[in-house]
C-alpha atoms as a PDB file:
ATOM      1  CA  MET A   1       8.574 -32.014  24.889  1.00  0.00           C
ATOM      2  CA  MET A   2      12.074 -33.235  24.051  1.00  0.00           C
ATOM      3  CA  ALA A   3      14.643 -32.857  26.678  1.00  0.00           C
ATOM      4  CA  GLY A   4      16.941 -29.616  26.515  1.00  0.00           C
ATOM      5  CA  ILE A   5      15.047 -28.109  24.074  1.00  0.00           C
ATOM      6  CA  ARG A   6      13.023 -24.869  25.301  1.00  0.00           C
ATOM      7  CA  PRO A   7      10.372 -22.675  23.465  1.00  0.00           C
ATOM      8  CA  GLN A   8      13.099 -19.940  23.594  1.00  0.00           C
ATOM      9  CA  SER A   9      15.804 -21.785  21.741  1.00  0.00           C
ATOM     10  CA  ILE A  10      13.068 -22.546  18.875  1.00  0.00           C
ATOM     11  CA  LEU A  11      12.510 -19.058  18.575  1.00  0.00           C
ATOM     12  CA  MET A  12      16.168 -18.068  18.360  1.00  0.00           C
ATOM     13  CA  LEU A  13      16.546 -20.453  15.808  1.00  0.00           C
ATOM     14  CA  CYS A  14      13.784 -19.423  13.529  1.00  0.00           C
ATOM     15  CA  ALA A  15      14.928 -15.611  13.980  1.00  0.00           C
ATOM     16  CA  TYR A  16      18.474 -16.788  12.849  1.00  0.00           C
ATOM     17  CA  ALA A  17      17.426 -18.567   9.857  1.00  0.00           C
ATOM     18  CA  ALA A  18      14.791 -16.043   8.961  1.00  0.00           C
ATOM     19  CA  THR A  19      17.062 -13.041   8.973  1.00  0.00           C
ATOM     20  CA  PRO A  20      19.483 -14.069   6.156  1.00  0.00           C
ATOM     21  CA  LEU A  21      16.172 -15.053   4.097  1.00  0.00           C
ATOM     22  CA  TRP A  22      14.813 -11.502   4.801  1.00  0.00           C
ATOM     23  CA  LEU A  23      18.241  -9.936   3.861  1.00  0.00           C
ATOM     24  CA  VAL A  24      18.282 -11.983   0.583  1.00  0.00           C
ATOM     25  CA  TRP A  25      14.793 -10.883  -0.431  1.00  0.00           C
ATOM     26  CA  ILE A  26      15.601  -7.089   0.465  1.00  0.00           C
ATOM     27  CA  PHE A  27      18.958  -7.087  -1.593  1.00  0.00           C
ATOM     28  CA  GLY A  28      17.388  -9.351  -4.408  1.00  0.00           C
ATOM     29  CA  HIS A  29      14.471  -6.757  -4.912  1.00  0.00           C
ATOM     30  CA  LEU A  30      16.872  -3.865  -4.915  1.00  0.00           C
ATOM     31  CA  TYR A  31      18.787  -5.537  -7.474  1.00  0.00           C
ATOM     32  CA  MET A  32      15.775  -6.268  -9.889  1.00  0.00           C
ATOM     33  CA  GLN A  33      14.677  -2.814  -9.423  1.00  0.00           C
ATOM     34  CA  ASP A  34      18.190  -1.570 -10.309  1.00  0.00           C
ATOM     35  CA  LEU A  35      18.094  -3.815 -13.507  1.00  0.00           C
ATOM     36  CA  THR A  36      14.866  -2.712 -14.510  1.00  0.00           C
ATOM     37  CA  LEU A  37      15.795   1.017 -14.143  1.00  0.00           C
ATOM     38  CA  ARG A  38      19.004   0.227 -15.933  1.00  0.00           C
ATOM     39  CA  GLN A  39      17.108  -1.440 -18.875  1.00  0.00           C
ATOM     40  CA  PHE A  40      14.555   1.552 -19.218  1.00  0.00           C
ATOM     41  CA  TYR A  41      17.322   4.370 -18.979  1.00  0.00           C
ATOM     42  CA  GLY A  42      20.267   2.580 -20.577  1.00  0.00           C
ATOM     43  CA  GLU A  43      23.649   2.365 -19.020  1.00  0.00           C
ATOM     44  CA  GLY A  44      25.016   5.438 -17.235  1.00  0.00           C
ATOM     45  CA  ASP A  45      22.111   7.593 -17.809  1.00  0.00           C
ATOM     46  CA  TYR A  46      20.965   7.721 -14.073  1.00  0.00           C
ATOM     47  CA  VAL A  47      22.061   7.075 -10.322  1.00  0.00           C
ATOM     48  CA  ARG A  48      20.662   4.632  -7.827  1.00  0.00           C
ATOM     49  CA  SER A  49      19.551   6.466  -4.827  1.00  0.00           C
ATOM     50  CA  PRO A  50      19.729   4.743  -1.204  1.00  0.00           C
ATOM     51  CA  ALA A  51      16.207   5.340  -0.620  1.00  0.00           C
ATOM     52  CA  ASP A  52      14.175   3.040  -2.881  1.00  0.00           C
ATOM     53  CA  HIS A  53      11.322   5.359  -3.906  1.00  0.00           C
ATOM     54  CA  MET A  54      14.188   7.573  -5.451  1.00  0.00           C
ATOM     55  CA  VAL A  55      15.622   7.807  -8.823  1.00  0.00           C
ATOM     56  CA  MET A  56      18.411  10.520  -9.587  1.00  0.00           C
ATOM     57  CA  GLY A  57      17.504  10.433 -13.299  1.00  0.00           C
ATOM     58  CA  ASN A  58      15.035  11.607 -15.444  1.00  0.00           C
ATOM     59  CA  SER A  59      12.066  11.765 -13.610  1.00  0.00           C
ATOM     60  CA  VAL A  60       8.654  13.843 -12.923  1.00  0.00           C
ATOM     61  CA  GLY A  61       6.252  13.992 -10.158  1.00  0.00           C
ATOM     62  CA  VAL A  62       2.870  12.361 -10.791  1.00  0.00           C
ATOM     63  CA  HIS A  63       1.005  15.517  -9.895  1.00  0.00           C
ATOM     64  CA  TYR A  64       2.944  17.519 -12.410  1.00  0.00           C
ATOM     65  CA  LEU A  65       1.845  15.602 -15.582  1.00  0.00           C
ATOM     66  CA  LYS A  66      -1.431  16.435 -15.922  1.00  0.00           C
ATOM     67  CA  GLU A  67      -2.095  14.995 -19.115  1.00  0.00           C
ATOM     68  CA  LEU A  68      -1.637  11.599 -17.128  1.00  0.00           C
ATOM     69  CA  ARG A  69      -4.860  12.090 -15.701  1.00  0.00           C
ATOM     70  CA  ALA A  70      -7.742   9.789 -16.962  1.00  0.00           C
ATOM     71  CA  LYS A  71     -10.771  11.480 -18.782  1.00  0.00           C
ATOM     72  CA  GLN A  72     -14.197  10.437 -18.348  1.00  0.00           C
ATOM     73  CA  GLY A  73     -15.974  10.140 -21.525  1.00  0.00           C
ATOM     74  CA  ASP A  74     -19.626  10.482 -22.673  1.00  0.00           C
ATOM     75  CA  ASP A  75     -20.271   6.876 -21.478  1.00  0.00           C
ATOM     76  CA  MET A  76     -18.983   7.503 -18.070  1.00  0.00           C
ATOM     77  CA  GLN A  77     -15.958   5.305 -18.575  1.00  0.00           C
ATOM     78  CA  TYR A  78     -12.550   6.639 -17.949  1.00  0.00           C
ATOM     79  CA  GLN A  79     -10.323   7.324 -21.196  1.00  0.00           C
ATOM     80  CA  CYS A  80      -6.334   7.528 -21.738  1.00  0.00           C
ATOM     81  CA  LEU A  81      -6.184   9.958 -24.344  1.00  0.00           C
ATOM     82  CA  GLY A  82      -2.626   9.959 -26.009  1.00  0.00           C
ATOM     83  CA  VAL A  83      -1.505   7.259 -23.515  1.00  0.00           C
ATOM     84  CA  THR A  84      -0.618   3.574 -24.324  1.00  0.00           C
ATOM     85  CA  ASN A  85       1.402   0.937 -23.080  1.00  0.00           C
ATOM     86  CA  ALA A  86       4.732   0.389 -24.955  1.00  0.00           C
ATOM     87  CA  ASP A  87       3.072  -2.581 -26.535  1.00  0.00           C
ATOM     88  CA  GLY A  88       0.223  -0.537 -27.754  1.00  0.00           C
ATOM     89  CA  THR A  89      -2.528  -1.897 -25.548  1.00  0.00           C
ATOM     90  CA  LYS A  90      -4.586   0.223 -23.119  1.00  0.00           C
ATOM     91  CA  PRO A  91      -2.905   1.481 -20.020  1.00  0.00           C
ATOM     92  CA  SER A  92      -3.904   0.345 -16.411  1.00  0.00           C
ATOM     93  CA  LEU A  93      -5.658   2.684 -14.028  1.00  0.00           C
ATOM     94  CA  SER A  94      -4.599   3.747 -10.798  1.00  0.00           C
ATOM     95  CA  PHE A  95      -5.837   6.292  -8.220  1.00  0.00           C
ATOM     96  CA  GLN A  96      -3.781   9.146  -6.594  1.00  0.00           C
ATOM     97  CA  VAL A  97      -4.002  10.200  -2.990  1.00  0.00           C
ATOM     98  CA  LYS A  98      -6.648  12.580  -4.138  1.00  0.00           C
ATOM     99  CA  GLY A  99      -8.508   9.999  -5.834  1.00  0.00           C
ATOM    100  CA  GLU A 100      -8.022  11.178  -9.376  1.00  0.00           C
ATOM    101  CA  PRO A 101      -7.544   8.316 -11.738  1.00  0.00           C
ATOM    102  CA  VAL A 102      -4.291   8.251 -13.436  1.00  0.00           C
ATOM    103  CA  CYS A 103      -3.367   6.517 -16.746  1.00  0.00           C
ATOM    104  CA  CYS A 104      -0.255   4.596 -14.998  1.00  0.00           C
ATOM    105  CA  SER A 105      -0.082   1.675 -12.755  1.00  0.00           C
ATOM    106  CA  LEU A 106       1.712   3.346  -9.969  1.00  0.00           C
ATOM    107  CA  ALA A 107       3.320   1.605  -7.031  1.00  0.00           C
ATOM    108  CA  LYS A 108       1.909   2.084  -3.561  1.00  0.00           C
ATOM    109  CA  ASP A 109       4.794   4.546  -2.609  1.00  0.00           C
ATOM    110  CA  GLN A 110       5.739   5.919  -6.207  1.00  0.00           C
ATOM    111  CA  TRP A 111       6.258   9.702  -5.707  1.00  0.00           C
ATOM    112  CA  SER A 112       7.940  10.410  -9.340  1.00  0.00           C
ATOM    113  CA  ILE A 113       7.805   8.512 -12.594  1.00  0.00           C
ATOM    114  CA  PRO A 114      11.250   7.805 -14.390  1.00  0.00           C
ATOM    115  CA  PHE A 115      10.845   9.040 -18.160  1.00  0.00           C
ATOM    116  CA  LYS A 116      12.896   9.417 -21.227  1.00  0.00           C
ATOM    117  CA  THR A 117      11.910  10.705 -24.598  1.00  0.00           C
ATOM    118  CA  ILE A 118      12.314   8.837 -27.930  1.00  0.00           C
ATOM    119  CA  GLY A 119      11.536  10.600 -31.100  1.00  0.00           C
ATOM    120  CA  ASP A 120       8.018  12.562 -30.286  1.00  0.00           C
ATOM    121  CA  SER A 121       7.137  10.347 -27.642  1.00  0.00           C
ATOM    122  CA  LEU A 122       7.531  10.425 -23.795  1.00  0.00           C
ATOM    123  CA  HIS A 123       7.881   7.002 -22.225  1.00  0.00           C
ATOM    124  CA  LEU A 124       7.259   6.706 -18.475  1.00  0.00           C
ATOM    125  CA  LEU A 125       8.024   3.741 -16.296  1.00  0.00           C
ATOM    126  CA  CYS A 126       5.267   3.107 -13.734  1.00  0.00           C
ATOM    127  CA  GLY A 127       5.439   0.987 -10.961  1.00  0.00           C
ATOM    128  CA  LYS A 128       8.202  -0.987  -9.377  1.00  0.00           C
ATOM    129  CA  TRP A 129       9.633  -4.592 -10.297  1.00  0.00           C
ATOM    130  CA  PRO A 130       8.106  -7.164 -10.590  1.00  0.00           C
ATOM    131  CA  ASP A 131       4.710  -4.908 -11.387  1.00  0.00           C
ATOM    132  CA  GLU A 132       6.669  -2.315 -13.776  1.00  0.00           C
ATOM    133  CA  ASN A 133       4.659  -0.759 -16.811  1.00  0.00           C
ATOM    134  CA  GLU A 134       6.354   1.222 -19.694  1.00  0.00           C
ATOM    135  CA  ILE A 135       3.768   3.527 -20.678  1.00  0.00           C
ATOM    136  CA  VAL A 136       4.114   6.128 -23.878  1.00  0.00           C
ATOM    137  CA  MET A 137       2.488   9.444 -24.290  1.00  0.00           C
ATOM    138  CA  THR A 138       2.379  10.986 -27.943  1.00  0.00           C
ATOM    139  CA  PRO A 139       2.718  13.850 -28.114  1.00  0.00           C
ATOM    140  CA  ILE A 140       5.111  15.006 -25.597  1.00  0.00           C
ATOM    141  CA  PRO A 141       3.690  17.754 -23.369  1.00  0.00           C
ATOM    142  CA  GLU A 142       4.817  21.372 -23.867  1.00  0.00           C
ATOM    143  CA  ARG A 143       6.220  21.608 -20.692  1.00  0.00           C
ATOM    144  CA  MET A 144       8.492  18.546 -20.905  1.00  0.00           C
ATOM    145  CA  ASN A 145      10.332  19.775 -23.821  1.00  0.00           C
ATOM    146  CA  ARG A 146      12.381  22.539 -21.578  1.00  0.00           C
END
């Protein structure tokens, strides 16, 4: 071993180098998630919460939106009736805590889904940056028209 360098010194140097990188990663992730929400809602239509899983804008609980649940067809395949991705393709499925499949690719700790209405469609932003996915429900469920 080189004279004057102890293992504790090397560990401290690694900790000092890793801390700023970790902070840059965290703040970069928060910035990109905020940018994603700003693009989805539009400027000024939401408020960012200090907690990463909360958005103080139009959002709906995953359990509240029953129309988002995938239905099993005659061929035993799950179908997402009235739900598509914003680009018109078939949405991804994810499973809730209860094991029910939903037509929305949810993030691991996503409690609520940001939404907006455009015409006669309900747009929902599933997931988090970099794996966010905008889906469209047509028609808008009755209880969302209030």
